[in-house]
N, C-alpha and C. Protein backbone atom coordinates (compact mmCIF):
# COMPACT_ATOMS: atom_id res chain seq x y z
N UNK A 1 0.87 -1.20 -0.01
CA UNK A 1 0.00 0.00 -0.02
C UNK A 1 0.87 1.27 0.00
N UNK A 2 0.62 2.15 -0.88
CA UNK A 2 1.39 3.35 -0.99
C UNK A 2 1.29 4.25 0.27
N UNK A 3 2.45 4.77 0.67
CA UNK A 3 2.46 5.71 1.79
C UNK A 3 2.67 7.14 1.30
N UNK A 4 2.06 8.07 1.99
CA UNK A 4 2.20 9.45 1.71
C UNK A 4 3.36 10.03 2.54
N UNK A 5 3.75 11.21 2.14
CA UNK A 5 4.86 11.89 2.83
C UNK A 5 4.67 11.91 4.34
N UNK A 6 3.44 12.17 4.74
CA UNK A 6 3.15 12.25 6.21
C UNK A 6 3.41 10.95 6.93
N UNK A 7 3.30 9.81 6.20
CA UNK A 7 3.44 8.47 6.78
C UNK A 7 4.87 8.07 7.10
N UNK A 8 5.87 8.69 6.43
CA UNK A 8 7.24 8.37 6.63
C UNK A 8 7.84 9.05 7.80
N UNK A 9 8.57 8.34 8.63
CA UNK A 9 9.28 8.93 9.81
C UNK A 9 10.74 8.54 9.72
N UNK A 10 11.60 9.51 10.01
CA UNK A 10 13.03 9.23 9.97
C UNK A 10 13.37 8.14 10.92
N UNK A 11 14.14 7.13 10.49
CA UNK A 11 14.47 5.97 11.27
C UNK A 11 13.63 4.74 11.02
N UNK A 12 12.48 4.97 10.40
CA UNK A 12 11.58 3.81 10.08
C UNK A 12 12.24 2.94 9.05
N UNK A 13 11.98 1.68 9.14
CA UNK A 13 12.52 0.69 8.21
C UNK A 13 11.38 -0.18 7.63
N UNK A 14 11.48 -0.49 6.35
CA UNK A 14 10.43 -1.23 5.68
C UNK A 14 11.07 -2.40 4.91
N UNK A 15 10.88 -3.64 5.32
CA UNK A 15 11.40 -4.76 4.59
C UNK A 15 10.61 -5.00 3.31
N UNK A 16 11.24 -5.62 2.32
CA UNK A 16 10.56 -6.03 1.12
C UNK A 16 10.62 -7.50 1.00
N UNK A 17 10.04 -8.01 -0.06
CA UNK A 17 10.11 -9.43 -0.35
C UNK A 17 11.48 -9.78 -0.86
N UNK A 18 11.76 -11.12 -0.86
CA UNK A 18 12.99 -11.59 -1.48
C UNK A 18 12.83 -12.07 -2.90
N UNK A 19 13.86 -12.11 -3.67
CA UNK A 19 13.81 -12.52 -5.06
C UNK A 19 15.08 -13.26 -5.43
N UNK A 20 14.97 -14.48 -5.98
CA UNK A 20 16.09 -15.19 -6.45
C UNK A 20 16.41 -14.72 -7.86
N UNK A 21 17.64 -14.50 -8.14
CA UNK A 21 18.13 -14.06 -9.47
C UNK A 21 18.53 -15.35 -10.20
N UNK A 22 17.79 -15.67 -11.20
CA UNK A 22 18.01 -16.91 -11.89
C UNK A 22 18.97 -16.73 -13.09
N UNK A 23 19.46 -17.89 -13.58
CA UNK A 23 20.30 -17.85 -14.83
C UNK A 23 19.57 -17.11 -15.95
N UNK A 24 18.29 -17.38 -16.11
CA UNK A 24 17.47 -16.77 -17.15
C UNK A 24 17.41 -15.23 -16.99
N UNK A 25 17.22 -14.84 -15.74
CA UNK A 25 17.22 -13.39 -15.42
C UNK A 25 18.48 -12.71 -15.86
N UNK A 26 19.65 -13.34 -15.50
CA UNK A 26 20.95 -12.73 -15.85
C UNK A 26 21.11 -12.72 -17.35
N UNK A 27 20.85 -13.81 -18.03
CA UNK A 27 21.01 -13.86 -19.52
C UNK A 27 20.13 -12.83 -20.19
N UNK A 28 18.88 -12.73 -19.79
CA UNK A 28 17.95 -11.81 -20.38
C UNK A 28 18.44 -10.37 -20.17
N UNK A 29 18.78 -10.02 -18.92
CA UNK A 29 19.25 -8.67 -18.60
C UNK A 29 20.42 -8.29 -19.44
N UNK A 30 21.47 -9.12 -19.47
CA UNK A 30 22.64 -8.88 -20.26
C UNK A 30 22.35 -8.71 -21.72
N UNK A 31 21.52 -9.58 -22.25
CA UNK A 31 21.13 -9.41 -23.68
C UNK A 31 20.34 -8.16 -23.95
N UNK A 32 19.41 -7.85 -23.06
CA UNK A 32 18.52 -6.68 -23.19
C UNK A 32 19.28 -5.39 -23.20
N UNK A 33 20.25 -5.21 -22.24
CA UNK A 33 21.00 -3.94 -22.13
C UNK A 33 22.25 -3.96 -22.94
N UNK A 34 22.61 -5.12 -23.49
CA UNK A 34 23.83 -5.16 -24.31
C UNK A 34 25.13 -5.34 -23.56
N UNK A 35 25.02 -5.94 -22.40
CA UNK A 35 26.27 -6.20 -21.63
C UNK A 35 26.86 -7.51 -22.24
N UNK A 36 28.07 -7.37 -22.80
CA UNK A 36 28.77 -8.49 -23.38
C UNK A 36 30.10 -8.75 -22.62
N UNK A 37 30.06 -8.42 -21.35
CA UNK A 37 31.19 -8.52 -20.52
C UNK A 37 31.38 -10.01 -20.02
N UNK A 38 32.51 -10.64 -20.30
CA UNK A 38 32.67 -12.04 -19.94
C UNK A 38 32.39 -12.34 -18.47
N UNK A 39 32.65 -11.41 -17.64
CA UNK A 39 32.41 -11.57 -16.17
C UNK A 39 30.89 -11.88 -15.94
N UNK A 40 30.00 -11.43 -16.82
CA UNK A 40 28.60 -11.62 -16.64
C UNK A 40 28.05 -12.77 -17.46
N UNK A 41 28.68 -13.05 -18.60
CA UNK A 41 28.02 -14.00 -19.56
C UNK A 41 28.83 -15.25 -19.84
N UNK A 42 30.09 -15.30 -19.43
CA UNK A 42 30.94 -16.43 -19.80
C UNK A 42 31.52 -17.08 -18.52
N UNK A 43 30.91 -18.21 -18.12
CA UNK A 43 31.33 -18.82 -16.86
C UNK A 43 32.78 -19.24 -16.93
N UNK A 44 33.24 -19.77 -18.03
CA UNK A 44 34.64 -20.24 -18.18
C UNK A 44 35.57 -19.09 -17.93
N UNK A 45 35.40 -17.98 -18.64
CA UNK A 45 36.25 -16.79 -18.49
C UNK A 45 36.12 -16.20 -17.09
N UNK A 46 34.93 -16.21 -16.58
CA UNK A 46 34.72 -15.54 -15.24
C UNK A 46 35.39 -16.37 -14.11
N UNK A 47 35.56 -17.69 -14.29
CA UNK A 47 36.24 -18.46 -13.31
C UNK A 47 37.71 -17.99 -13.08
N UNK A 48 38.28 -17.36 -14.07
CA UNK A 48 39.64 -16.92 -14.01
C UNK A 48 39.79 -15.57 -13.29
N UNK A 49 38.65 -14.96 -12.94
CA UNK A 49 38.75 -13.64 -12.31
C UNK A 49 38.80 -13.86 -10.75
N UNK A 50 38.97 -12.76 -10.09
CA UNK A 50 39.02 -12.79 -8.63
C UNK A 50 37.71 -13.26 -8.00
N UNK A 51 36.64 -13.27 -8.79
CA UNK A 51 35.30 -13.69 -8.27
C UNK A 51 35.17 -15.21 -8.38
N UNK A 52 35.88 -15.85 -9.23
CA UNK A 52 35.82 -17.30 -9.38
C UNK A 52 34.59 -17.79 -10.11
N UNK A 53 33.90 -16.91 -10.77
CA UNK A 53 32.71 -17.24 -11.56
C UNK A 53 31.88 -15.96 -11.93
N UNK A 54 30.85 -16.17 -12.65
CA UNK A 54 30.05 -15.03 -13.09
C UNK A 54 29.40 -14.35 -11.89
N UNK A 55 29.21 -13.07 -12.05
CA UNK A 55 28.45 -12.26 -11.07
C UNK A 55 27.38 -11.47 -11.80
N UNK A 56 26.45 -10.99 -11.03
CA UNK A 56 25.35 -10.17 -11.54
C UNK A 56 25.79 -8.75 -11.71
N UNK A 57 25.49 -8.07 -12.83
CA UNK A 57 25.91 -6.67 -13.05
C UNK A 57 25.30 -5.73 -11.94
N UNK A 58 26.02 -4.75 -11.58
CA UNK A 58 25.56 -3.80 -10.55
C UNK A 58 24.29 -3.13 -10.98
N UNK A 59 24.14 -2.86 -12.27
CA UNK A 59 22.88 -2.18 -12.76
C UNK A 59 21.65 -3.09 -12.56
N UNK A 60 21.87 -4.36 -12.65
CA UNK A 60 20.76 -5.32 -12.47
C UNK A 60 20.38 -5.40 -11.02
N UNK A 61 21.36 -5.37 -10.14
CA UNK A 61 21.11 -5.46 -8.68
C UNK A 61 20.33 -4.22 -8.30
N UNK A 62 20.75 -3.06 -8.79
CA UNK A 62 20.06 -1.81 -8.49
C UNK A 62 18.65 -1.75 -9.00
N UNK A 63 18.48 -2.27 -10.25
CA UNK A 63 17.08 -2.24 -10.83
C UNK A 63 16.22 -3.17 -10.02
N UNK A 64 16.66 -4.34 -9.70
CA UNK A 64 15.83 -5.33 -9.00
C UNK A 64 15.48 -4.79 -7.56
N UNK A 65 16.51 -4.30 -6.92
CA UNK A 65 16.26 -3.80 -5.54
C UNK A 65 15.31 -2.61 -5.53
N UNK A 66 15.41 -1.77 -6.51
CA UNK A 66 14.49 -0.61 -6.59
C UNK A 66 13.10 -1.09 -6.91
N UNK A 67 12.91 -2.09 -7.75
CA UNK A 67 11.60 -2.65 -8.05
C UNK A 67 10.96 -3.23 -6.78
N UNK A 68 11.77 -3.75 -5.92
CA UNK A 68 11.25 -4.38 -4.65
C UNK A 68 10.59 -3.28 -3.75
N UNK A 69 11.01 -2.08 -3.89
CA UNK A 69 10.55 -1.03 -2.97
C UNK A 69 9.27 -0.32 -3.48
N UNK A 70 8.90 -0.53 -4.69
CA UNK A 70 7.79 0.26 -5.30
C UNK A 70 6.48 0.22 -4.51
N UNK A 71 6.19 -0.80 -3.81
CA UNK A 71 4.90 -0.79 -3.11
C UNK A 71 4.80 0.25 -2.03
N UNK A 72 5.92 0.75 -1.57
CA UNK A 72 5.89 1.83 -0.54
C UNK A 72 5.28 3.10 -1.08
N UNK A 73 5.46 3.35 -2.40
CA UNK A 73 5.04 4.65 -2.96
C UNK A 73 4.57 4.44 -4.41
N UNK A 74 3.95 3.34 -4.67
CA UNK A 74 3.46 3.07 -6.04
C UNK A 74 2.60 4.19 -6.64
N UNK A 75 1.71 4.74 -5.81
CA UNK A 75 0.81 5.84 -6.23
C UNK A 75 1.09 7.18 -5.72
N UNK A 76 2.19 7.28 -4.92
CA UNK A 76 2.45 8.57 -4.29
C UNK A 76 3.84 9.14 -4.71
N UNK A 77 4.63 8.41 -5.44
CA UNK A 77 5.93 8.90 -5.90
C UNK A 77 5.72 10.00 -6.95
N UNK A 78 6.26 11.15 -6.69
CA UNK A 78 6.15 12.26 -7.60
C UNK A 78 7.44 12.26 -8.54
N UNK A 79 8.56 11.97 -7.96
CA UNK A 79 9.77 11.90 -8.79
C UNK A 79 10.99 11.59 -7.92
N UNK A 80 12.02 11.08 -8.57
CA UNK A 80 13.25 10.84 -7.94
C UNK A 80 14.20 11.90 -8.30
N UNK A 81 14.83 12.54 -7.26
CA UNK A 81 15.69 13.67 -7.48
C UNK A 81 17.18 13.28 -7.65
N UNK A 82 17.59 12.31 -6.86
CA UNK A 82 19.00 11.85 -6.93
C UNK A 82 19.22 10.47 -6.43
N UNK A 83 20.30 9.89 -6.89
CA UNK A 83 20.77 8.61 -6.39
C UNK A 83 22.20 8.85 -5.91
N UNK A 84 22.49 8.67 -4.63
CA UNK A 84 23.76 8.95 -4.09
C UNK A 84 24.34 7.87 -3.20
N UNK A 85 25.65 7.92 -3.05
CA UNK A 85 26.32 7.02 -2.12
C UNK A 85 26.13 5.54 -2.42
N UNK A 86 25.96 5.20 -3.71
CA UNK A 86 25.81 3.80 -4.07
C UNK A 86 27.06 3.01 -3.81
N UNK A 87 26.91 1.89 -3.15
CA UNK A 87 28.09 1.06 -2.83
C UNK A 87 27.73 -0.41 -3.09
N UNK A 88 28.48 -1.02 -3.92
CA UNK A 88 28.33 -2.48 -4.18
C UNK A 88 29.37 -3.15 -3.32
N UNK A 89 28.92 -3.82 -2.28
CA UNK A 89 29.82 -4.29 -1.21
C UNK A 89 30.20 -5.75 -1.28
N UNK A 90 29.47 -6.57 -2.01
CA UNK A 90 29.81 -7.98 -2.20
C UNK A 90 29.16 -8.45 -3.47
N UNK A 91 29.83 -9.43 -4.10
CA UNK A 91 29.26 -9.93 -5.40
C UNK A 91 27.97 -10.68 -5.17
N UNK A 92 27.07 -10.57 -6.16
CA UNK A 92 25.82 -11.33 -6.19
C UNK A 92 25.95 -12.28 -7.43
N UNK A 93 25.60 -13.50 -7.22
CA UNK A 93 25.77 -14.52 -8.23
C UNK A 93 24.44 -15.03 -8.68
N UNK A 94 24.37 -15.61 -9.88
CA UNK A 94 23.12 -16.28 -10.28
C UNK A 94 22.79 -17.35 -9.26
N UNK A 95 21.49 -17.37 -8.85
CA UNK A 95 21.10 -18.30 -7.83
C UNK A 95 20.99 -17.68 -6.47
N UNK A 96 21.58 -16.51 -6.26
CA UNK A 96 21.45 -15.77 -5.00
C UNK A 96 20.03 -15.16 -4.88
N UNK A 97 19.58 -15.03 -3.67
CA UNK A 97 18.33 -14.33 -3.40
C UNK A 97 18.65 -13.02 -2.70
N UNK A 98 18.04 -11.92 -3.15
CA UNK A 98 18.31 -10.68 -2.49
C UNK A 98 16.91 -10.11 -1.96
N UNK A 99 17.06 -9.32 -0.96
CA UNK A 99 15.85 -8.55 -0.46
C UNK A 99 16.40 -7.15 -0.06
N UNK A 100 15.49 -6.24 0.01
CA UNK A 100 15.83 -4.84 0.31
C UNK A 100 15.07 -4.39 1.54
N UNK A 101 15.78 -3.72 2.39
CA UNK A 101 15.13 -3.09 3.53
C UNK A 101 15.33 -1.58 3.30
N UNK A 102 14.25 -0.79 3.35
CA UNK A 102 14.24 0.63 3.05
C UNK A 102 14.20 1.35 4.39
N UNK A 103 15.20 2.23 4.56
CA UNK A 103 15.27 3.07 5.76
C UNK A 103 15.06 4.50 5.38
N UNK A 104 14.25 5.21 6.14
CA UNK A 104 14.00 6.66 5.97
C UNK A 104 15.11 7.35 6.69
N UNK A 105 15.95 8.07 6.02
CA UNK A 105 17.08 8.75 6.64
C UNK A 105 16.93 10.29 6.65
N UNK A 106 16.01 10.89 5.94
CA UNK A 106 15.79 12.25 5.88
C UNK A 106 14.43 12.60 5.41
N UNK A 107 13.84 13.70 5.95
CA UNK A 107 12.52 14.05 5.56
C UNK A 107 12.35 15.53 5.81
N UNK A 108 11.78 16.29 4.80
CA UNK A 108 11.46 17.71 5.04
C UNK A 108 10.36 18.18 4.13
N UNK A 109 9.70 19.24 4.53
CA UNK A 109 8.70 19.85 3.70
C UNK A 109 9.37 20.58 2.55
N UNK A 110 8.57 20.83 1.50
CA UNK A 110 9.06 21.65 0.39
C UNK A 110 8.15 22.85 0.26
N UNK A 111 8.56 23.78 -0.60
CA UNK A 111 7.69 24.95 -0.83
C UNK A 111 6.33 24.57 -1.47
N UNK A 112 6.39 23.50 -2.23
CA UNK A 112 5.19 22.99 -2.85
C UNK A 112 4.39 22.11 -1.84
N UNK A 113 3.23 22.54 -1.53
CA UNK A 113 2.40 21.81 -0.51
C UNK A 113 1.88 20.47 -1.01
N UNK A 114 2.02 20.16 -2.30
CA UNK A 114 1.55 18.93 -2.79
C UNK A 114 2.42 17.75 -2.56
N UNK A 115 3.72 18.00 -2.21
CA UNK A 115 4.64 16.91 -1.93
C UNK A 115 5.76 17.35 -1.01
N UNK A 116 6.43 16.34 -0.42
CA UNK A 116 7.55 16.65 0.43
C UNK A 116 8.76 15.78 0.00
N UNK A 117 9.92 16.10 0.56
CA UNK A 117 11.17 15.39 0.23
C UNK A 117 11.40 14.24 1.27
N UNK A 118 11.66 13.08 0.78
CA UNK A 118 12.10 11.94 1.65
C UNK A 118 13.32 11.30 1.00
N UNK A 119 14.32 11.12 1.84
CA UNK A 119 15.52 10.37 1.39
C UNK A 119 15.46 9.00 1.97
N UNK A 120 15.52 7.98 1.11
CA UNK A 120 15.51 6.55 1.54
C UNK A 120 16.91 5.98 1.37
N UNK A 121 17.31 5.11 2.28
CA UNK A 121 18.51 4.30 2.11
C UNK A 121 18.04 2.83 1.93
N UNK A 122 18.41 2.34 0.77
CA UNK A 122 18.12 0.90 0.52
C UNK A 122 19.31 0.07 0.98
N UNK A 123 18.97 -0.94 1.80
CA UNK A 123 19.95 -1.90 2.29
C UNK A 123 19.60 -3.25 1.58
N UNK A 124 20.48 -3.69 0.71
CA UNK A 124 20.15 -4.94 0.00
C UNK A 124 21.08 -6.03 0.47
N UNK A 125 20.45 -7.13 0.93
CA UNK A 125 21.17 -8.27 1.50
C UNK A 125 20.92 -9.52 0.64
N UNK A 126 21.81 -10.49 0.76
CA UNK A 126 21.63 -11.76 0.08
C UNK A 126 20.99 -12.72 1.06
N UNK A 127 20.87 -13.98 0.62
CA UNK A 127 20.21 -15.00 1.39
C UNK A 127 20.93 -15.28 2.70
N UNK A 128 22.20 -14.94 2.81
CA UNK A 128 22.95 -15.18 4.06
C UNK A 128 23.00 -13.94 4.96
N UNK A 129 22.24 -12.89 4.61
CA UNK A 129 22.22 -11.68 5.38
C UNK A 129 23.40 -10.77 5.16
N UNK A 130 24.20 -11.05 4.11
CA UNK A 130 25.33 -10.17 3.78
C UNK A 130 24.83 -8.95 3.03
N UNK A 131 25.28 -7.77 3.45
CA UNK A 131 24.94 -6.55 2.79
C UNK A 131 25.74 -6.49 1.46
N UNK A 132 25.02 -6.52 0.36
CA UNK A 132 25.64 -6.50 -0.98
C UNK A 132 25.58 -5.19 -1.71
N UNK A 133 24.64 -4.38 -1.37
CA UNK A 133 24.45 -3.10 -2.01
C UNK A 133 23.73 -2.12 -1.07
N UNK A 134 24.14 -0.86 -1.15
CA UNK A 134 23.44 0.14 -0.34
C UNK A 134 23.49 1.46 -1.17
N UNK A 135 22.33 2.19 -1.14
CA UNK A 135 22.16 3.41 -1.93
C UNK A 135 21.20 4.36 -1.27
N UNK A 136 21.38 5.65 -1.40
CA UNK A 136 20.46 6.69 -0.90
C UNK A 136 19.77 7.22 -2.09
N UNK A 137 18.45 7.43 -1.96
CA UNK A 137 17.60 7.99 -3.02
C UNK A 137 16.77 9.08 -2.45
N UNK A 138 17.01 10.29 -3.04
CA UNK A 138 16.15 11.45 -2.61
C UNK A 138 14.98 11.52 -3.52
N UNK A 139 13.75 11.59 -2.92
CA UNK A 139 12.54 11.49 -3.70
C UNK A 139 11.55 12.56 -3.26
N UNK A 140 10.62 12.86 -4.19
CA UNK A 140 9.48 13.68 -3.86
C UNK A 140 8.25 12.74 -3.71
N UNK A 141 7.59 12.87 -2.61
CA UNK A 141 6.50 11.96 -2.29
C UNK A 141 5.26 12.82 -2.07
N UNK A 142 4.12 12.45 -2.64
CA UNK A 142 2.90 13.23 -2.51
C UNK A 142 2.45 13.35 -1.02
N UNK A 143 1.90 14.51 -0.72
CA UNK A 143 1.30 14.67 0.57
C UNK A 143 -0.16 14.28 0.52
N UNK A 144 -0.66 13.82 1.59
CA UNK A 144 -2.05 13.31 1.69
C UNK A 144 -3.08 14.32 1.21
N UNK A 145 -2.95 15.54 1.61
CA UNK A 145 -3.91 16.57 1.26
C UNK A 145 -3.44 17.55 0.20
N UNK A 146 -2.45 17.03 -0.59
CA UNK A 146 -1.80 17.92 -1.61
C UNK A 146 -2.55 17.87 -2.83
């Protein structure tokens, strides 16, 4: 259920569902966006890297984790202003499951009474609870009576 600006409080955390990244997901994403990097598409070549096998592209991790958060503001998101402090902290591999916990780290009114500013920090973890990605997103969220 979408939340309005008034519903978000600094420090609040909202967990999302988990999602397993399949071989098909990885193949489709790389083909769709045109990633032809052996680290993502060639297991034999990727085994020779420091990762010891293929990993999921950072753009795919960010896209999937962002999609997981949409229910918080599906009907109230006015716009995204910035993406900051993105950190890819550990590799994600095909077969891993990720989930996102959204933390409200900043909130303020704007001159426009129809929406307010909320900055969210997405904490993305894998199936073992390892933090694999973190990013801050400044957004405009509709106000209830705006």
